[in-house]
C-alpha atoms as a PDB file:
ATOM      1  CA  GLY A   1     -10.967   5.787 -16.875  1.00  0.00           C
ATOM      2  CA  PRO A   2      -9.523   7.781 -13.991  1.00  0.00           C
ATOM      3  CA  LEU A   3     -10.889   5.366 -11.085  1.00  0.00           C
ATOM      4  CA  PHE A   4      -8.756   2.278 -12.482  1.00  0.00           C
ATOM      5  CA  LEU A   5      -5.573   3.666 -10.592  1.00  0.00           C
ATOM      6  CA  PRO A   6      -7.269   4.460  -7.069  1.00  0.00           C
ATOM      7  CA  ALA A   7      -9.169   1.334  -7.326  1.00  0.00           C
ATOM      8  CA  LEU A   8      -6.235  -0.762  -7.697  1.00  0.00           C
ATOM      9  CA  LEU A   9      -4.389   1.380  -5.154  1.00  0.00           C
ATOM     10  CA  ILE A  10      -7.021   0.453  -2.600  1.00  0.00           C
ATOM     11  CA  MET A  11      -7.327  -3.570  -3.647  1.00  0.00           C
ATOM     12  CA  MET A  12      -3.753  -3.480  -2.944  1.00  0.00           C
ATOM     13  CA  ALA A  13      -4.036  -1.948   0.296  1.00  0.00           C
ATOM     14  CA  VAL A  14      -6.970  -4.424   1.623  1.00  0.00           C
ATOM     15  CA  LYS A  15      -5.427  -7.500   0.132  1.00  0.00           C
ATOM     16  CA  PHE A  16      -1.949  -6.415   2.409  1.00  0.00           C
ATOM     17  CA  VAL A  17      -3.676  -5.741   5.307  1.00  0.00           C
ATOM     18  CA  ILE A  18      -5.615  -9.624   4.751  1.00  0.00           C
ATOM     19  CA  VAL A  19      -2.456 -11.178   4.141  1.00  0.00           C
ATOM     20  CA  VAL A  20      -0.378  -9.521   7.038  1.00  0.00           C
ATOM     21  CA  SER A  21      -3.258  -9.977   9.131  1.00  0.00           C
ATOM     22  CA  TYR A  22      -4.275 -13.346   9.570  1.00  0.00           C
ATOM     23  CA  PHE A  23      -1.661 -15.151   7.462  1.00  0.00           C
ATOM     24  CA  MET A  24       1.427 -13.805   8.847  1.00  0.00           C
ATOM     25  CA  HIS A  25      -0.374 -14.255  12.414  1.00  0.00           C
ATOM     26  CA  LEU A  26       0.041 -10.121  13.050  1.00  0.00           C
ATOM     27  CA  LYS A  27      -3.420  -9.945  14.435  1.00  0.00           C
ATOM     28  CA  PHE A  28      -2.806 -11.401  17.357  1.00  0.00           C
ATOM     29  CA  ASP A  29       0.633 -10.305  17.470  1.00  0.00           C
ATOM     30  CA  ASN A  30       2.937  -7.510  19.249  1.00  0.00           C
ATOM     31  CA  LYS A  31       1.029  -4.093  17.837  1.00  0.00           C
ATOM     32  CA  LEU A  32       4.855  -3.127  16.801  1.00  0.00           C
ATOM     33  CA  PHE A  33       5.213  -5.854  14.051  1.00  0.00           C
ATOM     34  CA  SER A  34       1.663  -4.325  12.530  1.00  0.00           C
ATOM     35  CA  TRP A  35       2.972  -0.897  12.732  1.00  0.00           C
ATOM     36  CA  MET A  36       6.309  -1.815  10.998  1.00  0.00           C
ATOM     37  CA  PHE A  37       4.417  -3.233   7.959  1.00  0.00           C
ATOM     38  CA  TYR A  38       1.882  -0.936   7.778  1.00  0.00           C
ATOM     39  CA  ALA A  39       4.524   1.734   7.862  1.00  0.00           C
ATOM     40  CA  GLY A  40       6.070  -0.291   4.570  1.00  0.00           C
ATOM     41  CA  LEU A  41       2.472  -0.084   2.881  1.00  0.00           C
ATOM     42  CA  PHE A  42       2.492   3.384   3.218  1.00  0.00           C
ATOM     43  CA  LEU A  43       5.603   4.292   2.333  1.00  0.00           C
ATOM     44  CA  ALA A  44       5.431   2.057  -0.902  1.00  0.00           C
ATOM     45  CA  VAL A  45       2.287   3.722  -2.062  1.00  0.00           C
ATOM     46  CA  GLY A  46       4.052   6.927  -1.278  1.00  0.00           C
ATOM     47  CA  VAL A  47       6.933   6.082  -3.537  1.00  0.00           C
ATOM     48  CA  TYR A  48       4.325   4.558  -6.484  1.00  0.00           C
ATOM     49  CA  VAL A  49       2.239   7.527  -6.415  1.00  0.00           C
ATOM     50  CA  ALA A  50       5.715  10.135  -6.614  1.00  0.00           C
ATOM     51  CA  ALA A  51       6.970   7.705  -9.198  1.00  0.00           C
ATOM     52  CA  LEU A  52       3.892   7.925 -11.262  1.00  0.00           C
ATOM     53  CA  GLY A  53       3.586  12.065 -10.294  1.00  0.00           C
ATOM     54  CA  THR A  54       6.651  12.368 -11.718  1.00  0.00           C
ATOM     55  CA  PHE A  55       6.191  10.502 -15.135  1.00  0.00           C
ATOM     56  CA  HIS A  56       2.958  12.082 -15.788  1.00  0.00           C
ATOM     57  CA  PHE A  57       4.353  15.573 -15.133  1.00  0.00           C
ATOM     58  CA  PHE A  58       7.761  15.085 -17.407  1.00  0.00           C
ATOM     59  CA  LEU A  59       5.685  13.100 -20.326  1.00  0.00           C
ATOM     60  CA  ARG A  60       3.607  15.306 -21.216  1.00  0.00           C
END
């Protein structure tokens, strides 16, 4: 359905935050490292959404 992809993106982001915060010990580390990982997450989601939008637009 139409909520499948947004639900997957939300679950991916939550899993990323959990793994980065706890298993990579960034929760107790310098905040600069956390911001670098979160910037990577937002960049990856942005590229993914742009690629999906491009395919959706050109495959019509």
